[in-house]
Amino acid sequence: MNKIIANPTDSRTAAAWRDSESICALADGERHLGHTLRIGGRWHAFDATHMNVESNGFRFLGSFASVASAKKEVEQSIISGLGTYAGAA
């Protein structure tokens, strides 16, 4: 996984995945960045740094056959939007 920090001199810890059988969460020392949920045998990916279209939840990125693909999509979405995450000061 890429180091998901906009500024390399930032003192926050690098983001890391925390995994269980049905949910994986990506977070650094201060932020929840994204997650994947296993629902009905598929992995659903969410970017927690961006709102969904309705502005009432996390951005849904899609449904994937493997957890690896879902995680990769979360990471790519976050990397592409660095500096624009929800709650940015």
N, C-alpha and C. Protein backbone atom coordinates (compact mmCIF):
# COMPACT_ATOMS: atom_id res chain seq x y z
N MET A 1 0.83 -1.18 0.00
CA MET A 1 0.00 0.00 0.00
C MET A 1 0.88 1.24 0.00
N ASN A 2 0.44 2.23 -0.71
CA ASN A 2 1.15 3.50 -0.73
C ASN A 2 0.97 4.22 0.59
N LYS A 3 1.94 5.06 0.92
CA LYS A 3 1.82 5.89 2.11
C LYS A 3 0.84 7.02 1.77
N ILE A 4 -0.28 7.05 2.45
CA ILE A 4 -1.33 8.01 2.12
C ILE A 4 -1.25 9.20 3.06
N ILE A 5 -0.31 10.05 2.79
CA ILE A 5 -0.14 11.31 3.52
C ILE A 5 0.25 12.36 2.49
N ALA A 6 -0.48 13.48 2.48
CA ALA A 6 -0.25 14.51 1.48
C ALA A 6 1.12 15.16 1.62
N ASN A 7 1.58 15.33 2.84
CA ASN A 7 2.82 16.04 3.09
C ASN A 7 3.81 15.07 3.74
N PRO A 8 4.93 14.76 3.09
CA PRO A 8 5.86 13.79 3.65
C PRO A 8 6.47 14.21 4.99
N THR A 9 6.39 15.49 5.35
CA THR A 9 6.91 15.93 6.65
C THR A 9 5.83 15.91 7.72
N ASP A 10 4.64 15.46 7.35
CA ASP A 10 3.51 15.37 8.28
C ASP A 10 3.86 14.39 9.40
N SER A 11 3.51 14.73 10.62
CA SER A 11 3.87 13.90 11.77
C SER A 11 2.89 12.75 12.01
N ARG A 12 1.77 12.71 11.29
CA ARG A 12 0.82 11.61 11.47
C ARG A 12 1.45 10.30 11.01
N THR A 13 0.97 9.23 11.58
CA THR A 13 1.46 7.92 11.17
C THR A 13 0.90 7.58 9.80
N ALA A 14 1.60 6.71 9.09
CA ALA A 14 1.13 6.26 7.79
C ALA A 14 -0.15 5.46 7.96
N ALA A 15 -0.99 5.50 6.97
CA ALA A 15 -2.24 4.75 7.02
C ALA A 15 -1.96 3.26 6.96
N ALA A 16 -2.81 2.50 7.64
CA ALA A 16 -2.68 1.05 7.65
C ALA A 16 -4.07 0.42 7.67
N TRP A 17 -4.17 -0.76 7.08
CA TRP A 17 -5.41 -1.51 7.09
C TRP A 17 -5.53 -2.31 8.38
N ARG A 18 -6.72 -2.36 8.94
CA ARG A 18 -7.07 -3.22 10.05
C ARG A 18 -8.18 -4.14 9.55
N ASP A 19 -7.93 -5.44 9.56
CA ASP A 19 -8.79 -6.39 8.87
C ASP A 19 -9.51 -7.35 9.80
N SER A 20 -10.72 -7.72 9.42
CA SER A 20 -11.44 -8.82 10.04
C SER A 20 -12.05 -9.65 8.90
N GLU A 21 -12.86 -10.64 9.23
CA GLU A 21 -13.44 -11.50 8.19
C GLU A 21 -14.45 -10.79 7.30
N SER A 22 -15.08 -9.72 7.80
CA SER A 22 -16.12 -9.08 7.01
C SER A 22 -15.98 -7.57 6.85
N ILE A 23 -14.98 -6.97 7.49
CA ILE A 23 -14.75 -5.54 7.33
C ILE A 23 -13.26 -5.25 7.43
N CYS A 24 -12.82 -4.33 6.60
CA CYS A 24 -11.43 -3.86 6.64
C CYS A 24 -11.50 -2.33 6.68
N ALA A 25 -10.75 -1.73 7.59
CA ALA A 25 -10.77 -0.27 7.74
C ALA A 25 -9.37 0.28 7.54
N LEU A 26 -9.27 1.35 6.78
CA LEU A 26 -8.01 2.04 6.53
C LEU A 26 -7.99 3.32 7.35
N ALA A 27 -6.97 3.49 8.18
CA ALA A 27 -6.88 4.68 9.02
C ALA A 27 -5.43 5.02 9.30
N ASP A 28 -5.20 6.30 9.60
CA ASP A 28 -3.89 6.71 10.09
C ASP A 28 -4.07 7.06 11.57
N GLY A 29 -3.15 7.77 12.14
CA GLY A 29 -3.22 8.10 13.55
C GLY A 29 -4.34 9.05 13.93
N GLU A 30 -4.94 9.72 12.96
CA GLU A 30 -5.97 10.71 13.26
C GLU A 30 -7.25 10.56 12.47
N ARG A 31 -7.23 9.82 11.35
CA ARG A 31 -8.38 9.82 10.45
C ARG A 31 -8.79 8.41 10.04
N HIS A 32 -10.10 8.22 9.90
CA HIS A 32 -10.64 7.04 9.22
C HIS A 32 -10.68 7.43 7.75
N LEU A 33 -9.99 6.67 6.90
CA LEU A 33 -9.87 7.04 5.49
C LEU A 33 -10.80 6.28 4.57
N GLY A 34 -11.08 5.05 4.90
CA GLY A 34 -11.96 4.26 4.04
C GLY A 34 -12.16 2.88 4.62
N HIS A 35 -13.06 2.13 3.99
CA HIS A 35 -13.31 0.78 4.47
C HIS A 35 -13.92 -0.08 3.37
N THR A 36 -13.85 -1.38 3.59
CA THR A 36 -14.52 -2.35 2.73
C THR A 36 -15.38 -3.25 3.62
N LEU A 37 -16.53 -3.63 3.10
CA LEU A 37 -17.45 -4.49 3.83
C LEU A 37 -17.79 -5.69 2.95
N ARG A 38 -17.78 -6.89 3.54
CA ARG A 38 -18.20 -8.07 2.79
C ARG A 38 -19.69 -8.24 2.99
N ILE A 39 -20.42 -8.16 1.89
CA ILE A 39 -21.87 -8.30 1.91
C ILE A 39 -22.26 -9.28 0.81
N GLY A 40 -22.86 -10.38 1.20
CA GLY A 40 -23.30 -11.36 0.21
C GLY A 40 -22.18 -11.94 -0.64
N GLY A 41 -21.01 -12.10 -0.07
CA GLY A 41 -19.89 -12.70 -0.80
C GLY A 41 -19.10 -11.73 -1.65
N ARG A 42 -19.47 -10.46 -1.67
CA ARG A 42 -18.73 -9.44 -2.43
C ARG A 42 -18.22 -8.38 -1.47
N TRP A 43 -17.18 -7.70 -1.87
CA TRP A 43 -16.58 -6.64 -1.05
C TRP A 43 -17.00 -5.29 -1.59
N HIS A 44 -17.62 -4.48 -0.74
CA HIS A 44 -18.09 -3.14 -1.11
C HIS A 44 -17.11 -2.12 -0.54
N ALA A 45 -16.63 -1.24 -1.40
CA ALA A 45 -15.58 -0.28 -1.04
C ALA A 45 -16.14 1.12 -0.84
N PHE A 46 -15.63 1.81 0.18
CA PHE A 46 -16.07 3.17 0.50
C PHE A 46 -14.87 4.06 0.78
N ASP A 47 -14.92 5.27 0.25
CA ASP A 47 -13.92 6.30 0.52
C ASP A 47 -14.49 7.21 1.60
N ALA A 48 -13.94 7.17 2.79
CA ALA A 48 -14.46 7.96 3.90
C ALA A 48 -13.96 9.40 3.87
N THR A 49 -13.12 9.74 2.91
CA THR A 49 -12.61 11.11 2.82
C THR A 49 -13.47 11.98 1.91
N HIS A 50 -14.48 11.38 1.29
CA HIS A 50 -15.39 12.11 0.40
C HIS A 50 -16.83 11.71 0.69
N MET A 51 -17.73 12.65 0.56
CA MET A 51 -19.15 12.39 0.75
C MET A 51 -19.72 11.71 -0.50
N ASN A 52 -20.83 11.01 -0.32
CA ASN A 52 -21.53 10.45 -1.47
C ASN A 52 -22.32 11.56 -2.17
N VAL A 53 -22.98 11.23 -3.26
CA VAL A 53 -23.71 12.22 -4.05
C VAL A 53 -24.79 12.91 -3.22
N GLU A 54 -25.43 12.15 -2.33
CA GLU A 54 -26.51 12.71 -1.51
C GLU A 54 -25.99 13.50 -0.31
N SER A 55 -24.69 13.48 -0.08
CA SER A 55 -24.05 14.15 1.06
C SER A 55 -24.57 13.65 2.40
N ASN A 56 -24.86 12.35 2.46
CA ASN A 56 -25.34 11.79 3.73
C ASN A 56 -24.55 10.54 4.14
N GLY A 57 -23.39 10.34 3.54
CA GLY A 57 -22.57 9.19 3.88
C GLY A 57 -21.27 9.18 3.09
N PHE A 58 -20.55 8.09 3.23
CA PHE A 58 -19.27 7.94 2.53
C PHE A 58 -19.48 7.66 1.04
N ARG A 59 -18.51 8.00 0.23
CA ARG A 59 -18.56 7.74 -1.21
C ARG A 59 -18.43 6.24 -1.47
N PHE A 60 -19.41 5.68 -2.16
CA PHE A 60 -19.39 4.27 -2.55
C PHE A 60 -18.55 4.14 -3.81
N LEU A 61 -17.59 3.23 -3.79
CA LEU A 61 -16.67 3.07 -4.92
C LEU A 61 -16.98 1.86 -5.78
N GLY A 62 -17.79 0.95 -5.29
CA GLY A 62 -18.15 -0.20 -6.09
C GLY A 62 -18.11 -1.49 -5.30
N SER A 63 -18.50 -2.55 -5.99
CA SER A 63 -18.54 -3.89 -5.42
C SER A 63 -17.51 -4.74 -6.14
N PHE A 64 -16.74 -5.54 -5.39
CA PHE A 64 -15.61 -6.28 -5.94
C PHE A 64 -15.64 -7.73 -5.50
N ALA A 65 -15.11 -8.61 -6.34
CA ALA A 65 -15.06 -10.03 -6.03
C ALA A 65 -14.03 -10.33 -4.94
N SER A 66 -12.95 -9.55 -4.88
CA SER A 66 -11.90 -9.82 -3.90
C SER A 66 -11.67 -8.62 -2.99
N VAL A 67 -11.24 -8.92 -1.78
CA VAL A 67 -10.92 -7.86 -0.83
C VAL A 67 -9.73 -7.05 -1.33
N ALA A 68 -8.79 -7.69 -2.00
CA ALA A 68 -7.61 -6.97 -2.52
C ALA A 68 -8.02 -5.90 -3.53
N SER A 69 -8.95 -6.24 -4.41
CA SER A 69 -9.42 -5.26 -5.40
C SER A 69 -10.16 -4.12 -4.73
N ALA A 70 -10.97 -4.43 -3.73
CA ALA A 70 -11.72 -3.39 -3.02
C ALA A 70 -10.77 -2.44 -2.29
N LYS A 71 -9.77 -3.01 -1.62
CA LYS A 71 -8.78 -2.17 -0.92
C LYS A 71 -8.02 -1.29 -1.90
N LYS A 72 -7.63 -1.84 -3.02
CA LYS A 72 -6.90 -1.06 -4.02
C LYS A 72 -7.73 0.12 -4.50
N GLU A 73 -9.02 -0.10 -4.71
CA GLU A 73 -9.90 0.98 -5.15
C GLU A 73 -10.00 2.08 -4.09
N VAL A 74 -10.10 1.70 -2.82
CA VAL A 74 -10.13 2.68 -1.73
C VAL A 74 -8.84 3.50 -1.74
N GLU A 75 -7.71 2.83 -1.81
CA GLU A 75 -6.42 3.52 -1.80
C GLU A 75 -6.29 4.48 -2.98
N GLN A 76 -6.67 4.03 -4.17
CA GLN A 76 -6.57 4.87 -5.36
C GLN A 76 -7.48 6.10 -5.25
N SER A 77 -8.67 5.93 -4.72
CA SER A 77 -9.59 7.04 -4.56
C SER A 77 -9.03 8.08 -3.60
N ILE A 78 -8.44 7.62 -2.51
CA ILE A 78 -7.87 8.54 -1.52
C ILE A 78 -6.66 9.25 -2.09
N ILE A 79 -5.79 8.51 -2.75
CA ILE A 79 -4.59 9.12 -3.34
C ILE A 79 -4.96 10.17 -4.37
N SER A 80 -5.98 9.90 -5.16
CA SER A 80 -6.38 10.86 -6.21
C SER A 80 -7.00 12.12 -5.64
N GLY A 81 -7.46 12.07 -4.38
CA GLY A 81 -8.10 13.24 -3.78
C GLY A 81 -7.36 13.81 -2.59
N LEU A 82 -6.07 13.53 -2.46
CA LEU A 82 -5.32 14.04 -1.31
C LEU A 82 -5.48 15.55 -1.17
N GLY A 83 -5.68 15.97 0.06
CA GLY A 83 -5.83 17.39 0.34
C GLY A 83 -7.26 17.85 0.28
N THR A 84 -8.18 16.96 -0.15
CA THR A 84 -9.59 17.37 -0.26
C THR A 84 -10.49 16.52 0.62
N TYR A 85 -9.91 15.80 1.59
CA TYR A 85 -10.74 14.89 2.39
C TYR A 85 -11.72 15.66 3.27
N ALA A 86 -12.82 14.98 3.56
CA ALA A 86 -13.86 15.58 4.41
C ALA A 86 -13.26 15.95 5.76
N GLY A 87 -13.55 17.12 6.22
CA GLY A 87 -13.04 17.57 7.51
C GLY A 87 -11.68 18.22 7.43
N ALA A 88 -11.18 18.46 6.23
CA ALA A 88 -9.87 19.10 6.07
C ALA A 88 -9.92 20.51 6.65
N ALA A 89 -8.90 20.85 7.37
CA ALA A 89 -8.83 22.18 7.98
C ALA A 89 -8.39 23.22 6.97
